[in-house]
Amino acid sequence: QAQTGVWDVRASFLPAIYFEGVGMAGGISVLLPPQPADDAIAERVIGGLDGLIITGGRDVDPAAYGAQRHPATDEPVSDSQARDV
């Protein structure tokens, strides 16, 4: 959910630091929001990319990737974690 002007709408967004980092590395960023897609179409889209950065939320339990939990880590949300990991 995001607010822009007078609208309060469902939205997909990414912090600018991701786009800036890709640009600094010489790439062009393409945002692929979560959406249903036919496997063949998804394959064509992904096949046209040289790299893929999959971001997750702060709700992923660090134990899922073998790390210690930092005191500022949010409590994991099991539904989101299964999707993010």
N, C-alpha and C. Protein backbone atom coordinates (compact mmCIF):
# COMPACT_ATOMS: atom_id res chain seq x y z
N GLN A 1 0.85 -1.16 0.00
CA GLN A 1 0.00 0.00 0.00
C GLN A 1 0.89 1.23 0.00
N ALA A 2 0.54 2.21 -0.82
CA ALA A 2 1.32 3.44 -0.88
C ALA A 2 0.40 4.62 -1.14
N GLN A 3 0.81 5.78 -0.67
CA GLN A 3 0.06 6.99 -0.92
C GLN A 3 0.85 7.87 -1.87
N THR A 4 0.17 8.37 -2.89
CA THR A 4 0.78 9.31 -3.83
C THR A 4 -0.28 10.34 -4.18
N GLY A 5 -0.01 11.59 -3.88
CA GLY A 5 -1.02 12.62 -4.08
C GLY A 5 -2.24 12.32 -3.24
N VAL A 6 -3.40 12.32 -3.87
CA VAL A 6 -4.64 12.04 -3.15
C VAL A 6 -5.00 10.56 -3.18
N TRP A 7 -4.19 9.75 -3.84
CA TRP A 7 -4.49 8.33 -3.97
C TRP A 7 -3.80 7.50 -2.91
N ASP A 8 -4.49 6.48 -2.45
CA ASP A 8 -3.96 5.49 -1.52
C ASP A 8 -4.21 4.16 -2.22
N VAL A 9 -3.16 3.59 -2.82
CA VAL A 9 -3.34 2.44 -3.71
C VAL A 9 -2.37 1.32 -3.39
N ARG A 10 -2.72 0.11 -3.88
CA ARG A 10 -1.76 -1.00 -3.82
C ARG A 10 -0.60 -0.62 -4.73
N ALA A 11 0.61 -0.94 -4.31
CA ALA A 11 1.76 -0.53 -5.10
C ALA A 11 2.92 -1.49 -4.92
N SER A 12 3.79 -1.52 -5.91
CA SER A 12 5.06 -2.24 -5.81
C SER A 12 6.14 -1.19 -5.95
N PHE A 13 7.09 -1.19 -5.04
CA PHE A 13 8.16 -0.21 -5.10
C PHE A 13 9.44 -0.82 -4.57
N LEU A 14 10.53 -0.15 -4.85
CA LEU A 14 11.84 -0.61 -4.42
C LEU A 14 12.66 0.60 -4.03
N PRO A 15 13.39 0.55 -2.93
CA PRO A 15 14.23 1.68 -2.55
C PRO A 15 15.21 2.03 -3.68
N ALA A 16 15.42 3.32 -3.88
CA ALA A 16 16.27 3.81 -4.97
C ALA A 16 17.69 3.26 -4.92
N ILE A 17 18.18 2.88 -3.75
CA ILE A 17 19.55 2.40 -3.64
C ILE A 17 19.79 1.18 -4.54
N TYR A 18 18.75 0.36 -4.75
CA TYR A 18 18.90 -0.79 -5.65
C TYR A 18 19.12 -0.33 -7.08
N PHE A 19 18.29 0.61 -7.54
CA PHE A 19 18.42 1.12 -8.90
C PHE A 19 19.76 1.83 -9.09
N GLU A 20 20.15 2.60 -8.08
CA GLU A 20 21.42 3.33 -8.16
C GLU A 20 22.59 2.36 -8.26
N GLY A 21 22.57 1.30 -7.47
CA GLY A 21 23.66 0.31 -7.51
C GLY A 21 23.76 -0.38 -8.85
N VAL A 22 22.63 -0.75 -9.42
CA VAL A 22 22.63 -1.40 -10.73
C VAL A 22 23.18 -0.43 -11.77
N GLY A 23 22.75 0.83 -11.71
CA GLY A 23 23.24 1.84 -12.64
C GLY A 23 24.73 2.08 -12.50
N MET A 24 25.23 2.12 -11.26
CA MET A 24 26.67 2.32 -11.04
C MET A 24 27.48 1.16 -11.60
N ALA A 25 26.87 -0.02 -11.66
CA ALA A 25 27.55 -1.19 -12.21
C ALA A 25 27.41 -1.27 -13.73
N GLY A 26 26.74 -0.28 -14.32
CA GLY A 26 26.60 -0.26 -15.78
C GLY A 26 25.34 -0.91 -16.30
N GLY A 27 24.44 -1.28 -15.41
CA GLY A 27 23.21 -1.94 -15.83
C GLY A 27 22.03 -1.01 -15.93
N ILE A 28 20.94 -1.55 -16.40
CA ILE A 28 19.67 -0.84 -16.46
C ILE A 28 18.68 -1.63 -15.61
N SER A 29 18.04 -0.96 -14.68
CA SER A 29 17.11 -1.62 -13.77
C SER A 29 15.75 -1.85 -14.42
N VAL A 30 15.18 -2.99 -14.14
CA VAL A 30 13.83 -3.33 -14.58
C VAL A 30 13.10 -3.87 -13.36
N LEU A 31 12.01 -3.24 -12.98
CA LEU A 31 11.24 -3.70 -11.83
C LEU A 31 10.18 -4.70 -12.30
N LEU A 32 10.20 -5.88 -11.72
CA LEU A 32 9.22 -6.92 -12.03
C LEU A 32 8.34 -7.11 -10.80
N PRO A 33 7.19 -6.45 -10.74
CA PRO A 33 6.35 -6.57 -9.56
C PRO A 33 5.73 -7.95 -9.45
N PRO A 34 5.39 -8.38 -8.24
CA PRO A 34 4.74 -9.68 -8.07
C PRO A 34 3.43 -9.71 -8.86
N GLN A 35 3.27 -10.72 -9.67
CA GLN A 35 2.07 -10.85 -10.48
C GLN A 35 1.96 -12.26 -11.02
N PRO A 36 0.75 -12.72 -11.29
CA PRO A 36 0.62 -14.05 -11.91
C PRO A 36 1.13 -13.97 -13.34
N ALA A 37 1.84 -14.99 -13.77
CA ALA A 37 2.35 -15.01 -15.15
C ALA A 37 2.48 -16.45 -15.62
N ASP A 38 2.16 -16.66 -16.86
CA ASP A 38 2.35 -17.95 -17.49
C ASP A 38 3.84 -18.28 -17.49
N ASP A 39 4.21 -19.53 -17.25
CA ASP A 39 5.62 -19.92 -17.18
C ASP A 39 6.39 -19.52 -18.43
N ALA A 40 5.80 -19.69 -19.60
CA ALA A 40 6.50 -19.37 -20.85
C ALA A 40 6.77 -17.87 -20.96
N ILE A 41 5.82 -17.06 -20.54
CA ILE A 41 6.02 -15.61 -20.58
C ILE A 41 7.08 -15.20 -19.57
N ALA A 42 6.99 -15.73 -18.36
CA ALA A 42 7.99 -15.42 -17.34
C ALA A 42 9.38 -15.82 -17.82
N GLU A 43 9.48 -16.96 -18.46
CA GLU A 43 10.77 -17.43 -18.98
C GLU A 43 11.33 -16.48 -20.03
N ARG A 44 10.46 -15.96 -20.90
CA ARG A 44 10.91 -15.00 -21.93
C ARG A 44 11.41 -13.71 -21.29
N VAL A 45 10.70 -13.24 -20.28
CA VAL A 45 11.11 -12.00 -19.61
C VAL A 45 12.44 -12.21 -18.90
N ILE A 46 12.54 -13.25 -18.10
CA ILE A 46 13.78 -13.53 -17.36
C ILE A 46 14.92 -13.83 -18.32
N GLY A 47 14.63 -14.50 -19.42
CA GLY A 47 15.67 -14.83 -20.40
C GLY A 47 16.30 -13.61 -21.05
N GLY A 48 15.62 -12.48 -21.01
CA GLY A 48 16.16 -11.25 -21.58
C GLY A 48 17.01 -10.45 -20.62
N LEU A 49 17.21 -10.96 -19.42
CA LEU A 49 17.99 -10.25 -18.41
C LEU A 49 19.38 -10.86 -18.28
N ASP A 50 20.36 -10.01 -17.99
CA ASP A 50 21.72 -10.50 -17.73
C ASP A 50 21.94 -10.84 -16.27
N GLY A 51 21.12 -10.29 -15.40
CA GLY A 51 21.24 -10.55 -13.97
C GLY A 51 19.89 -10.35 -13.31
N LEU A 52 19.77 -10.86 -12.10
CA LEU A 52 18.51 -10.76 -11.37
C LEU A 52 18.81 -10.55 -9.89
N ILE A 53 18.25 -9.49 -9.34
CA ILE A 53 18.36 -9.23 -7.91
C ILE A 53 16.97 -9.48 -7.33
N ILE A 54 16.88 -10.45 -6.43
CA ILE A 54 15.60 -10.74 -5.78
C ILE A 54 15.69 -10.18 -4.37
N THR A 55 14.88 -9.17 -4.11
CA THR A 55 14.90 -8.54 -2.79
C THR A 55 13.88 -9.20 -1.90
N GLY A 56 14.11 -9.14 -0.63
CA GLY A 56 13.18 -9.69 0.36
C GLY A 56 12.92 -8.65 1.42
N GLY A 57 12.01 -8.97 2.30
CA GLY A 57 11.70 -8.05 3.38
C GLY A 57 12.62 -8.27 4.56
N ARG A 58 12.52 -7.37 5.53
CA ARG A 58 13.31 -7.51 6.75
C ARG A 58 12.75 -8.62 7.61
N ASP A 59 11.65 -9.22 7.18
CA ASP A 59 11.00 -10.24 7.99
C ASP A 59 11.55 -11.64 7.77
N VAL A 60 12.57 -11.80 6.93
CA VAL A 60 13.17 -13.12 6.71
C VAL A 60 14.05 -13.46 7.92
N ASP A 61 13.84 -14.61 8.50
CA ASP A 61 14.62 -15.04 9.65
C ASP A 61 16.05 -15.34 9.19
N PRO A 62 17.06 -14.65 9.73
CA PRO A 62 18.45 -14.88 9.32
C PRO A 62 18.87 -16.35 9.45
N ALA A 63 18.24 -17.11 10.32
CA ALA A 63 18.57 -18.53 10.45
C ALA A 63 18.30 -19.27 9.14
N ALA A 64 17.40 -18.75 8.30
CA ALA A 64 17.07 -19.39 7.02
C ALA A 64 18.27 -19.41 6.07
N TYR A 65 19.21 -18.46 6.27
CA TYR A 65 20.42 -18.45 5.43
C TYR A 65 21.69 -18.55 6.28
N GLY A 66 21.55 -19.16 7.47
CA GLY A 66 22.70 -19.49 8.30
C GLY A 66 23.34 -18.34 9.03
N ALA A 67 22.61 -17.25 9.27
CA ALA A 67 23.18 -16.09 9.95
C ALA A 67 22.54 -15.91 11.33
N GLN A 68 23.22 -15.14 12.16
CA GLN A 68 22.71 -14.81 13.49
C GLN A 68 21.69 -13.67 13.36
N ARG A 69 20.71 -13.68 14.22
CA ARG A 69 19.71 -12.61 14.23
C ARG A 69 20.30 -11.35 14.85
N HIS A 70 20.17 -10.22 14.18
CA HIS A 70 20.60 -8.92 14.69
C HIS A 70 19.49 -8.40 15.60
N PRO A 71 19.84 -7.66 16.66
CA PRO A 71 18.81 -7.15 17.58
C PRO A 71 17.73 -6.31 16.88
N ALA A 72 18.06 -5.66 15.76
CA ALA A 72 17.08 -4.81 15.06
C ALA A 72 16.25 -5.58 14.04
N THR A 73 16.49 -6.88 13.90
CA THR A 73 15.73 -7.68 12.93
C THR A 73 14.28 -7.80 13.37
N ASP A 74 13.36 -7.56 12.43
CA ASP A 74 11.93 -7.73 12.73
C ASP A 74 11.63 -9.19 12.98
N GLU A 75 10.52 -9.44 13.66
CA GLU A 75 10.07 -10.82 13.85
C GLU A 75 9.71 -11.40 12.49
N PRO A 76 10.15 -12.62 12.20
CA PRO A 76 9.82 -13.21 10.91
C PRO A 76 8.32 -13.45 10.76
N VAL A 77 7.84 -13.32 9.54
CA VAL A 77 6.45 -13.62 9.21
C VAL A 77 6.49 -14.84 8.31
N SER A 78 6.01 -15.98 8.80
CA SER A 78 6.20 -17.24 8.10
C SER A 78 5.63 -17.25 6.69
N ASP A 79 4.48 -16.62 6.45
CA ASP A 79 3.91 -16.59 5.09
C ASP A 79 4.83 -15.84 4.14
N SER A 80 5.32 -14.69 4.56
CA SER A 80 6.21 -13.90 3.71
C SER A 80 7.54 -14.59 3.52
N GLN A 81 8.05 -15.22 4.57
CA GLN A 81 9.36 -15.85 4.48
C GLN A 81 9.37 -16.97 3.44
N ALA A 82 8.34 -17.77 3.40
CA ALA A 82 8.29 -18.87 2.42
C ALA A 82 8.37 -18.31 1.01
N ARG A 83 7.70 -17.21 0.74
CA ARG A 83 7.74 -16.59 -0.58
C ARG A 83 9.09 -15.93 -0.85
N ASP A 84 9.61 -15.20 0.13
CA ASP A 84 10.86 -14.45 -0.05
C ASP A 84 12.06 -15.35 -0.22
N VAL A 85 12.11 -16.45 0.54
CA VAL A 85 13.26 -17.34 0.47
C VAL A 85 13.13 -18.20 -0.75
